[in-house]
Amino acid sequence: MDTAVINIRTQASVKEQLQRVAEELGLTVSALINGLIKQVIRTKRVEFSTREEIPSPYMIKMLKESEEDIKKGRVSPAFDNADDAIAWLENPHPKYANKL
């Protein structure tokens, strides 16, 4: 692959925050920025938002309901792989069956 280097200047704190976000997303900073560049090329648009995301009343209601479900144990167990999850869906453990 033919590559080129782009150097940018930004505040150290911005770079650190970007690195954390990229890591949380399972990406490198380069992959994240390349994705952004490709999106700009594809859409020919750049969008910035200066306001913080505010959840809708419906989202807040659903988050509260999910917190209650977790507190009451109405959740499926965690699985290490898809086969275990499918097996559980086909035959839920009796311990959880009455809570779903």
PDB file of N, CA and C in Angstrom:
ATOM      1  N   MET A   1       0.853  -1.172   0.000  1.00  0.00           N
ATOM      2  CA  MET A   1       0.000   0.000   0.000  1.00  0.00           C
ATOM      3  C   MET A   1       0.893   1.226   0.000  1.00  0.00           C
ATOM      4  N   ASP A   2       0.589   2.172  -0.856  1.00  0.00           N
ATOM      5  CA  ASP A   2       1.326   3.425  -0.945  1.00  0.00           C
ATOM      6  C   ASP A   2       0.793   4.355   0.142  1.00  0.00           C
ATOM      7  N   THR A   3       1.634   4.789   1.068  1.00  0.00           N
ATOM      8  CA  THR A   3       1.177   5.625   2.170  1.00  0.00           C
ATOM      9  C   THR A   3       1.888   6.965   2.165  1.00  0.00           C
ATOM     10  N   ALA A   4       1.272   7.945   2.805  1.00  0.00           N
ATOM     11  CA  ALA A   4       1.840   9.276   2.982  1.00  0.00           C
ATOM     12  C   ALA A   4       1.653   9.661   4.440  1.00  0.00           C
ATOM     13  N   VAL A   5       2.470  10.567   4.911  1.00  0.00           N
ATOM     14  CA  VAL A   5       2.399  11.018   6.301  1.00  0.00           C
ATOM     15  C   VAL A   5       1.779  12.399   6.338  1.00  0.00           C
ATOM     16  N   ILE A   6       0.844  12.595   7.248  1.00  0.00           N
ATOM     17  CA  ILE A   6       0.239  13.905   7.494  1.00  0.00           C
ATOM     18  C   ILE A   6       0.580  14.281   8.928  1.00  0.00           C
ATOM     19  N   ASN A   7       1.227  15.412   9.122  1.00  0.00           N
ATOM     20  CA  ASN A   7       1.536  15.898  10.464  1.00  0.00           C
ATOM     21  C   ASN A   7       0.556  16.989  10.846  1.00  0.00           C
ATOM     22  N   ILE A   8       0.032  16.914  12.049  1.00  0.00           N
ATOM     23  CA  ILE A   8      -0.851  17.965  12.544  1.00  0.00           C
ATOM     24  C   ILE A   8      -0.378  18.403  13.919  1.00  0.00           C
ATOM     25  N   ARG A   9      -0.755  19.598  14.291  1.00  0.00           N
ATOM     26  CA  ARG A   9      -0.449  20.098  15.630  1.00  0.00           C
ATOM     27  C   ARG A   9      -1.765  20.205  16.402  1.00  0.00           C
ATOM     28  N   THR A  10      -1.738  19.724  17.635  1.00  0.00           N
ATOM     29  CA  THR A  10      -2.901  19.812  18.503  1.00  0.00           C
ATOM     30  C   THR A  10      -2.419  19.885  19.940  1.00  0.00           C
ATOM     31  N   GLN A  11      -3.295  20.231  20.820  1.00  0.00           N
ATOM     32  CA  GLN A  11      -2.936  20.285  22.236  1.00  0.00           C
ATOM     33  C   GLN A  11      -2.662  18.876  22.738  1.00  0.00           C
ATOM     34  N   ALA A  12      -1.721  18.758  23.656  1.00  0.00           N
ATOM     35  CA  ALA A  12      -1.360  17.447  24.208  1.00  0.00           C
ATOM     36  C   ALA A  12      -2.575  16.777  24.843  1.00  0.00           C
ATOM     37  N   SER A  13      -3.407  17.550  25.527  1.00  0.00           N
ATOM     38  CA  SER A  13      -4.585  16.963  26.183  1.00  0.00           C
ATOM     39  C   SER A  13      -5.573  16.420  25.155  1.00  0.00           C
ATOM     40  N   VAL A  14      -5.686  17.100  24.005  1.00  0.00           N
ATOM     41  CA  VAL A  14      -6.579  16.623  22.945  1.00  0.00           C
ATOM     42  C   VAL A  14      -6.056  15.309  22.388  1.00  0.00           C
ATOM     43  N   LYS A  15      -4.747  15.229  22.170  1.00  0.00           N
ATOM     44  CA  LYS A  15      -4.147  13.999  21.663  1.00  0.00           C
ATOM     45  C   LYS A  15      -4.385  12.844  22.636  1.00  0.00           C
ATOM     46  N   GLU A  16      -4.199  13.090  23.930  1.00  0.00           N
ATOM     47  CA  GLU A  16      -4.398  12.040  24.936  1.00  0.00           C
ATOM     48  C   GLU A  16      -5.851  11.571  24.955  1.00  0.00           C
ATOM     49  N   GLN A  17      -6.781  12.517  24.864  1.00  0.00           N
ATOM     50  CA  GLN A  17      -8.199  12.144  24.845  1.00  0.00           C
ATOM     51  C   GLN A  17      -8.526  11.325  23.601  1.00  0.00           C
ATOM     52  N   LEU A  18      -7.968  11.725  22.462  1.00  0.00           N
ATOM     53  CA  LEU A  18      -8.195  10.983  21.220  1.00  0.00           C
ATOM     54  C   LEU A  18      -7.632   9.571  21.316  1.00  0.00           C
ATOM     55  N   GLN A  19      -6.463   9.436  21.911  1.00  0.00           N
ATOM     56  CA  GLN A  19      -5.863   8.111  22.066  1.00  0.00           C
ATOM     57  C   GLN A  19      -6.744   7.220  22.937  1.00  0.00           C
ATOM     58  N   ARG A  20      -7.307   7.790  23.998  1.00  0.00           N
ATOM     59  CA  ARG A  20      -8.188   7.007  24.882  1.00  0.00           C
ATOM     60  C   ARG A  20      -9.447   6.562  24.141  1.00  0.00           C
ATOM     61  N   VAL A  21     -10.043   7.492  23.396  1.00  0.00           N
ATOM     62  CA  VAL A  21     -11.266   7.150  22.652  1.00  0.00           C
ATOM     63  C   VAL A  21     -10.971   6.081  21.610  1.00  0.00           C
ATOM     64  N   ALA A  22      -9.885   6.260  20.866  1.00  0.00           N
ATOM     65  CA  ALA A  22      -9.520   5.272  19.848  1.00  0.00           C
ATOM     66  C   ALA A  22      -9.325   3.907  20.488  1.00  0.00           C
ATOM     67  N   GLU A  23      -8.644   3.868  21.615  1.00  0.00           N
ATOM     68  CA  GLU A  23      -8.405   2.597  22.310  1.00  0.00           C
ATOM     69  C   GLU A  23      -9.712   1.962  22.755  1.00  0.00           C
ATOM     70  N   GLU A  24     -10.634   2.776  23.285  1.00  0.00           N
ATOM     71  CA  GLU A  24     -11.941   2.254  23.706  1.00  0.00           C
ATOM     72  C   GLU A  24     -12.697   1.649  22.527  1.00  0.00           C
ATOM     73  N   LEU A  25     -12.483   2.211  21.340  1.00  0.00           N
ATOM     74  CA  LEU A  25     -13.146   1.708  20.136  1.00  0.00           C
ATOM     75  C   LEU A  25     -12.392   0.559  19.486  1.00  0.00           C
ATOM     76  N   GLY A  26     -11.230   0.217  20.061  1.00  0.00           N
ATOM     77  CA  GLY A  26     -10.432  -0.870  19.508  1.00  0.00           C
ATOM     78  C   GLY A  26      -9.675  -0.461  18.257  1.00  0.00           C
ATOM     79  N   LEU A  27      -9.370   0.831  18.139  1.00  0.00           N
ATOM     80  CA  LEU A  27      -8.685   1.355  16.961  1.00  0.00           C
ATOM     81  C   LEU A  27      -7.389   2.050  17.355  1.00  0.00           C
ATOM     82  N   THR A  28      -6.536   2.233  16.383  1.00  0.00           N
ATOM     83  CA  THR A  28      -5.393   3.117  16.569  1.00  0.00           C
ATOM     84  C   THR A  28      -5.840   4.522  16.189  1.00  0.00           C
ATOM     85  N   VAL A  29      -5.071   5.510  16.609  1.00  0.00           N
ATOM     86  CA  VAL A  29      -5.385   6.882  16.212  1.00  0.00           C
ATOM     87  C   VAL A  29      -5.311   7.005  14.692  1.00  0.00           C
ATOM     88  N   SER A  30      -4.319   6.372  14.081  1.00  0.00           N
ATOM     89  CA  SER A  30      -4.198   6.420  12.623  1.00  0.00           C
ATOM     90  C   SER A  30      -5.430   5.841  11.944  1.00  0.00           C
ATOM     91  N   ALA A  31      -5.925   4.708  12.427  1.00  0.00           N
ATOM     92  CA  ALA A  31      -7.109   4.084  11.829  1.00  0.00           C
ATOM     93  C   ALA A  31      -8.330   4.981  11.994  1.00  0.00           C
ATOM     94  N   LEU A  32      -8.471   5.584  13.165  1.00  0.00           N
ATOM     95  CA  LEU A  32      -9.597   6.467  13.421  1.00  0.00           C
ATOM     96  C   LEU A  32      -9.552   7.679  12.490  1.00  0.00           C
ATOM     97  N   ILE A  33      -8.388   8.310  12.367  1.00  0.00           N
ATOM     98  CA  ILE A  33      -8.257   9.485  11.511  1.00  0.00           C
ATOM     99  C   ILE A  33      -8.418   9.106  10.039  1.00  0.00           C
ATOM    100  N   ASN A  34      -7.865   7.972   9.624  1.00  0.00           N
ATOM    101  CA  ASN A  34      -8.055   7.523   8.243  1.00  0.00           C
ATOM    102  C   ASN A  34      -9.530   7.308   7.933  1.00  0.00           C
ATOM    103  N   GLY A  35     -10.256   6.741   8.885  1.00  0.00           N
ATOM    104  CA  GLY A  35     -11.697   6.561   8.693  1.00  0.00           C
ATOM    105  C   GLY A  35     -12.406   7.889   8.537  1.00  0.00           C
ATOM    106  N   LEU A  36     -12.035   8.872   9.354  1.00  0.00           N
ATOM    107  CA  LEU A  36     -12.631  10.200   9.255  1.00  0.00           C
ATOM    108  C   LEU A  36     -12.314  10.840   7.898  1.00  0.00           C
ATOM    109  N   ILE A  37     -11.065  10.737   7.474  1.00  0.00           N
ATOM    110  CA  ILE A  37     -10.657  11.301   6.180  1.00  0.00           C
ATOM    111  C   ILE A  37     -11.458  10.658   5.045  1.00  0.00           C
ATOM    112  N   LYS A  38     -11.579   9.338   5.069  1.00  0.00           N
ATOM    113  CA  LYS A  38     -12.327   8.645   4.013  1.00  0.00           C
ATOM    114  C   LYS A  38     -13.796   9.031   4.009  1.00  0.00           C
ATOM    115  N   GLN A  39     -14.356   9.253   5.203  1.00  0.00           N
ATOM    116  CA  GLN A  39     -15.753   9.676   5.297  1.00  0.00           C
ATOM    117  C   GLN A  39     -15.927  11.066   4.683  1.00  0.00           C
ATOM    118  N   VAL A  40     -15.008  11.975   4.957  1.00  0.00           N
ATOM    119  CA  VAL A  40     -15.071  13.320   4.386  1.00  0.00           C
ATOM    120  C   VAL A  40     -14.970  13.247   2.865  1.00  0.00           C
ATOM    121  N   ILE A  41     -14.065  12.419   2.360  1.00  0.00           N
ATOM    122  CA  ILE A  41     -13.919  12.265   0.910  1.00  0.00           C
ATOM    123  C   ILE A  41     -15.199  11.705   0.310  1.00  0.00           C
ATOM    124  N   ARG A  42     -15.761  10.689   0.947  1.00  0.00           N
ATOM    125  CA  ARG A  42     -16.958  10.016   0.423  1.00  0.00           C
ATOM    126  C   ARG A  42     -18.184  10.934   0.451  1.00  0.00           C
ATOM    127  N   THR A  43     -18.375  11.648   1.560  1.00  0.00           N
ATOM    128  CA  THR A  43     -19.597  12.444   1.735  1.00  0.00           C
ATOM    129  C   THR A  43     -19.428  13.909   1.348  1.00  0.00           C
ATOM    130  N   LYS A  44     -18.170  14.344   1.253  1.00  0.00           N
ATOM    131  CA  LYS A  44     -17.869  15.748   0.988  1.00  0.00           C
ATOM    132  C   LYS A  44     -18.545  16.659   2.017  1.00  0.00           C
ATOM    133  N   ARG A  45     -18.545  16.171   3.254  1.00  0.00           N
ATOM    134  CA  ARG A  45     -19.150  16.922   4.368  1.00  0.00           C
ATOM    135  C   ARG A  45     -18.279  16.791   5.596  1.00  0.00           C
ATOM    136  N   VAL A  46     -18.278  17.844   6.379  1.00  0.00           N
ATOM    137  CA  VAL A  46     -17.615  17.838   7.679  1.00  0.00           C
ATOM    138  C   VAL A  46     -18.621  18.384   8.679  1.00  0.00           C
ATOM    139  N   GLU A  47     -18.856  17.643   9.733  1.00  0.00           N
ATOM    140  CA  GLU A  47     -19.817  18.084  10.745  1.00  0.00           C
ATOM    141  C   GLU A  47     -19.127  18.173  12.091  1.00  0.00           C
ATOM    142  N   PHE A  48     -19.318  19.305  12.752  1.00  0.00           N
ATOM    143  CA  PHE A  48     -18.809  19.492  14.108  1.00  0.00           C
ATOM    144  C   PHE A  48     -19.982  19.842  15.000  1.00  0.00           C
ATOM    145  N   SER A  49     -19.916  19.402  16.224  1.00  0.00           N
ATOM    146  CA  SER A  49     -20.944  19.749  17.194  1.00  0.00           C
ATOM    147  C   SER A  49     -20.267  20.313  18.430  1.00  0.00           C
ATOM    148  N   THR A  50     -20.751  21.435  18.881  1.00  0.00           N
ATOM    149  CA  THR A  50     -20.179  22.046  20.082  1.00  0.00           C
ATOM    150  C   THR A  50     -21.009  21.742  21.319  1.00  0.00           C
ATOM    151  N   ARG A  51     -22.083  21.055  21.131  1.00  0.00           N
ATOM    152  CA  ARG A  51     -22.921  20.744  22.290  1.00  0.00           C
ATOM    153  C   ARG A  51     -22.775  19.279  22.677  1.00  0.00           C
ATOM    154  N   GLU A  52     -23.029  19.031  23.919  1.00  0.00           N
ATOM    155  CA  GLU A  52     -22.957  17.682  24.446  1.00  0.00           C
ATOM    156  C   GLU A  52     -24.224  16.926  24.073  1.00  0.00           C
ATOM    157  N   GLU A  53     -24.078  15.644  23.817  1.00  0.00           N
ATOM    158  CA  GLU A  53     -25.244  14.821  23.527  1.00  0.00           C
ATOM    159  C   GLU A  53     -26.144  14.764  24.752  1.00  0.00           C
ATOM    160  N   ILE A  54     -27.421  15.009  24.551  1.00  0.00           N
ATOM    161  CA  ILE A  54     -28.393  14.946  25.638  1.00  0.00           C
ATOM    162  C   ILE A  54     -29.369  13.832  25.298  1.00  0.00           C
ATOM    163  N   PRO A  55     -29.467  12.825  26.168  1.00  0.00           N
ATOM    164  CA  PRO A  55     -30.376  11.718  25.866  1.00  0.00           C
ATOM    165  C   PRO A  55     -31.834  12.176  25.876  1.00  0.00           C
ATOM    166  N   SER A  56     -32.619  11.570  25.006  1.00  0.00           N
ATOM    167  CA  SER A  56     -34.047  11.885  24.934  1.00  0.00           C
ATOM    168  C   SER A  56     -34.744  11.345  26.174  1.00  0.00           C
ATOM    169  N   PRO A  57     -35.937  11.852  26.467  1.00  0.00           N
ATOM    170  CA  PRO A  57     -36.699  11.310  27.602  1.00  0.00           C
ATOM    171  C   PRO A  57     -36.923   9.799  27.472  1.00  0.00           C
ATOM    172  N   TYR A  58     -37.150   9.329  26.231  1.00  0.00           N
ATOM    173  CA  TYR A  58     -37.341   7.895  26.016  1.00  0.00           C
ATOM    174  C   TYR A  58     -36.069   7.126  26.384  1.00  0.00           C
ATOM    175  N   MET A  59     -34.911   7.632  25.966  1.00  0.00           N
ATOM    176  CA  MET A  59     -33.644   6.968  26.279  1.00  0.00           C
ATOM    177  C   MET A  59     -33.423   6.919  27.790  1.00  0.00           C
ATOM    178  N   ILE A  60     -33.707   8.009  28.472  1.00  0.00           N
ATOM    179  CA  ILE A  60     -33.549   8.040  29.931  1.00  0.00           C
ATOM    180  C   ILE A  60     -34.456   6.994  30.576  1.00  0.00           C
ATOM    181  N   LYS A  61     -35.710   6.897  30.098  1.00  0.00           N
ATOM    182  CA  LYS A  61     -36.651   5.901  30.625  1.00  0.00           C
ATOM    183  C   LYS A  61     -36.117   4.487  30.407  1.00  0.00           C
ATOM    184  N   MET A  62     -35.613   4.202  29.200  1.00  0.00           N
ATOM    185  CA  MET A  62     -35.100   2.872  28.893  1.00  0.00           C
ATOM    186  C   MET A  62     -33.858   2.537  29.725  1.00  0.00           C
ATOM    187  N   LEU A  63     -32.990   3.511  29.950  1.00  0.00           N
ATOM    188  CA  LEU A  63     -31.813   3.280  30.786  1.00  0.00           C
ATOM    189  C   LEU A  63     -32.214   2.954  32.219  1.00  0.00           C
ATOM    190  N   LYS A  64     -33.206   3.659  32.740  1.00  0.00           N
ATOM    191  CA  LYS A  64     -33.692   3.375  34.098  1.00  0.00           C
ATOM    192  C   LYS A  64     -34.291   1.970  34.173  1.00  0.00           C
ATOM    193  N   GLU A  65     -35.050   1.595  33.140  1.00  0.00           N
ATOM    194  CA  GLU A  65     -35.638   0.252  33.118  1.00  0.00           C
ATOM    195  C   GLU A  65     -34.552  -0.822  33.058  1.00  0.00           C
ATOM    196  N   SER A  66     -33.513  -0.579  32.273  1.00  0.00           N
ATOM    197  CA  SER A  66     -32.446  -1.578  32.175  1.00  0.00           C
ATOM    198  C   SER A  66     -31.681  -1.678  33.488  1.00  0.00           C
ATOM    199  N   GLU A  67     -31.498  -0.550  34.181  1.00  0.00           N
ATOM    200  CA  GLU A  67     -30.852  -0.602  35.496  1.00  0.00           C
ATOM    201  C   GLU A  67     -31.676  -1.435  36.473  1.00  0.00           C
ATOM    202  N   GLU A  68     -32.991  -1.277  36.433  1.00  0.00           N
ATOM    203  CA  GLU A  68     -33.873  -2.068  37.293  1.00  0.00           C
ATOM    204  C   GLU A  68     -33.787  -3.547  36.938  1.00  0.00           C
ATOM    205  N   ASP A  69     -33.759  -3.859  35.634  1.00  0.00           N
ATOM    206  CA  ASP A  69     -33.634  -5.251  35.210  1.00  0.00           C
ATOM    207  C   ASP A  69     -32.340  -5.865  35.744  1.00  0.00           C
ATOM    208  N   ILE A  70     -31.268  -5.115  35.675  1.00  0.00           N
ATOM    209  CA  ILE A  70     -29.987  -5.621  36.170  1.00  0.00           C
ATOM    210  C   ILE A  70     -30.055  -5.855  37.675  1.00  0.00           C
ATOM    211  N   LYS A  71     -30.616  -4.896  38.417  1.00  0.00           N
ATOM    212  CA  LYS A  71     -30.732  -5.037  39.874  1.00  0.00           C
ATOM    213  C   LYS A  71     -31.568  -6.258  40.262  1.00  0.00           C
ATOM    214  N   LYS A  72     -32.618  -6.546  39.474  1.00  0.00           N
ATOM    215  CA  LYS A  72     -33.517  -7.657  39.782  1.00  0.00           C
ATOM    216  C   LYS A  72     -33.054  -8.975  39.165  1.00  0.00           C
ATOM    217  N   GLY A  73     -31.911  -8.941  38.477  1.00  0.00           N
ATOM    218  CA  GLY A  73     -31.362 -10.175  37.920  1.00  0.00           C
ATOM    219  C   GLY A  73     -32.031 -10.639  36.647  1.00  0.00           C
ATOM    220  N   ARG A  74     -32.772  -9.760  35.985  1.00  0.00           N
ATOM    221  CA  ARG A  74     -33.460 -10.138  34.746  1.00  0.00           C
ATOM    222  C   ARG A  74     -32.561  -9.892  33.540  1.00  0.00           C
ATOM    223  N   VAL A  75     -31.419 -10.528  33.563  1.00  0.00           N
ATOM    224  CA  VAL A  75     -30.469 -10.410  32.454  1.00  0.00           C
ATOM    225  C   VAL A  75     -29.904 -11.788  32.154  1.00  0.00           C
ATOM    226  N   SER A  76     -29.464 -11.966  30.932  1.00  0.00           N
ATOM    227  CA  SER A  76     -28.845 -13.242  30.588  1.00  0.00           C
ATOM    228  C   SER A  76     -27.408 -13.243  31.092  1.00  0.00           C
ATOM    229  N   PRO A  77     -26.863 -14.398  31.333  1.00  0.00           N
ATOM    230  CA  PRO A  77     -25.484 -14.463  31.806  1.00  0.00           C
ATOM    231  C   PRO A  77     -24.503 -14.063  30.705  1.00  0.00           C
ATOM    232  N   ALA A  78     -23.291 -13.750  31.082  1.00  0.00           N
ATOM    233  CA  ALA A  78     -22.245 -13.440  30.102  1.00  0.00           C
ATOM    234  C   ALA A  78     -21.735 -14.748  29.503  1.00  0.00           C
ATOM    235  N   PHE A  79     -21.362 -14.708  28.245  1.00  0.00           N
ATOM    236  CA  PHE A  79     -20.876 -15.899  27.564  1.00  0.00           C
ATOM    237  C   PHE A  79     -19.485 -15.656  27.024  1.00  0.00           C
ATOM    238  N   ASP A  80     -18.692 -16.726  26.972  1.00  0.00           N
ATOM    239  CA  ASP A  80     -17.333 -16.636  26.442  1.00  0.00           C
ATOM    240  C   ASP A  80     -17.290 -16.807  24.931  1.00  0.00           C
ATOM    241  N   ASN A  81     -18.360 -17.391  24.370  1.00  0.00           N
ATOM    242  CA  ASN A  81     -18.364 -17.607  22.922  1.00  0.00           C
ATOM    243  C   ASN A  81     -19.808 -17.727  22.432  1.00  0.00           C
ATOM    244  N   ALA A  82     -19.978 -17.652  21.128  1.00  0.00           N
ATOM    245  CA  ALA A  82     -21.310 -17.673  20.529  1.00  0.00           C
ATOM    246  C   ALA A  82     -22.012 -19.019  20.717  1.00  0.00           C
ATOM    247  N   ASP A  83     -21.250 -20.114  20.682  1.00  0.00           N
ATOM    248  CA  ASP A  83     -21.868 -21.435  20.834  1.00  0.00           C
ATOM    249  C   ASP A  83     -22.556 -21.563  22.193  1.00  0.00           C
ATOM    250  N   ASP A  84     -21.913 -21.070  23.262  1.00  0.00           N
ATOM    251  CA  ASP A  84     -22.529 -21.126  24.590  1.00  0.00           C
ATOM    252  C   ASP A  84     -23.789 -20.262  24.642  1.00  0.00           C
ATOM    253  N   ALA A  85     -23.745 -19.104  23.994  1.00  0.00           N
ATOM    254  CA  ALA A  85     -24.912 -18.215  23.984  1.00  0.00           C
ATOM    255  C   ALA A  85     -26.079 -18.874  23.257  1.00  0.00           C
ATOM    256  N   ILE A  86     -25.812 -19.480  22.124  1.00  0.00           N
ATOM    257  CA  ILE A  86     -26.869 -20.147  21.360  1.00  0.00           C
ATOM    258  C   ILE A  86     -27.431 -21.325  22.139  1.00  0.00           C
ATOM    259  N   ALA A  87     -26.548 -22.088  22.782  1.00  0.00           N
ATOM    260  CA  ALA A  87     -27.009 -23.223  23.598  1.00  0.00           C
ATOM    261  C   ALA A  87     -27.914 -22.733  24.720  1.00  0.00           C
ATOM    262  N   TRP A  88     -27.542 -21.620  25.341  1.00  0.00           N
ATOM    263  CA  TRP A  88     -28.365 -21.072  26.431  1.00  0.00           C
ATOM    264  C   TRP A  88     -29.714 -20.599  25.900  1.00  0.00           C
ATOM    265  N   LEU A  89     -29.722 -19.973  24.714  1.00  0.00           N
ATOM    266  CA  LEU A  89     -30.982 -19.516  24.143  1.00  0.00           C
ATOM    267  C   LEU A  89     -31.904 -20.683  23.822  1.00  0.00           C
ATOM    268  N   GLU A  90     -31.326 -21.804  23.389  1.00  0.00           N
ATOM    269  CA  GLU A  90     -32.126 -22.976  23.059  1.00  0.00           C
ATOM    270  C   GLU A  90     -32.630 -23.694  24.307  1.00  0.00           C
ATOM    271  N   ASN A  91     -31.894 -23.586  25.400  1.00  0.00           N
ATOM    272  CA  ASN A  91     -32.275 -24.262  26.629  1.00  0.00           C
ATOM    273  C   ASN A  91     -31.760 -23.452  27.821  1.00  0.00           C
ATOM    274  N   PRO A  92     -32.467 -22.361  28.179  1.00  0.00           N
ATOM    275  CA  PRO A  92     -31.995 -21.515  29.284  1.00  0.00           C
ATOM    276  C   PRO A  92     -31.892 -22.293  30.588  1.00  0.00           C
ATOM    277  N   HIS A  93     -30.918 -21.955  31.349  1.00  0.00           N
ATOM    278  CA  HIS A  93     -30.733 -22.580  32.657  1.00  0.00           C
ATOM    279  C   HIS A  93     -31.944 -22.237  33.519  1.00  0.00           C
ATOM    280  N   PRO A  94     -32.484 -23.195  34.242  1.00  0.00           N
ATOM    281  CA  PRO A  94     -33.677 -22.955  35.066  1.00  0.00           C
ATOM    282  C   PRO A  94     -33.499 -21.788  36.039  1.00  0.00           C
ATOM    283  N   LYS A  95     -32.279 -21.553  36.471  1.00  0.00           N
ATOM    284  CA  LYS A  95     -32.022 -20.462  37.412  1.00  0.00           C
ATOM    285  C   LYS A  95     -32.470 -19.125  36.830  1.00  0.00           C
ATOM    286  N   TYR A  96     -32.372 -18.965  35.498  1.00  0.00           N
ATOM    287  CA  TYR A  96     -32.706 -17.699  34.859  1.00  0.00           C
ATOM    288  C   TYR A  96     -34.069 -17.705  34.175  1.00  0.00           C
ATOM    289  N   ALA A  97     -34.613 -18.882  33.886  1.00  0.00           N
ATOM    290  CA  ALA A  97     -35.806 -18.997  33.058  1.00  0.00           C
ATOM    291  C   ALA A  97     -36.984 -18.201  33.619  1.00  0.00           C
ATOM    292  N   ASN A  98     -37.176 -18.174  34.918  1.00  0.00           N
ATOM    293  CA  ASN A  98     -38.337 -17.484  35.479  1.00  0.00           C
ATOM    294  C   ASN A  98     -38.138 -15.981  35.558  1.00  0.00           C
ATOM    295  N   LYS A  99     -36.933 -15.505  35.295  1.00  0.00           N
ATOM    296  CA  LYS A  99     -36.679 -14.074  35.407  1.00  0.00           C
ATOM    297  C   LYS A  99     -36.744 -13.371  34.073  1.00  0.00           C
ATOM    298  N   LEU A 100     -36.771 -14.100  32.970  1.00  0.00           N
ATOM    299  CA  LEU A 100     -36.780 -13.463  31.646  1.00  0.00           C
ATOM    300  C   LEU A 100     -38.181 -13.256  31.139  1.00  0.00           C
TER     301      LEU A 100
END
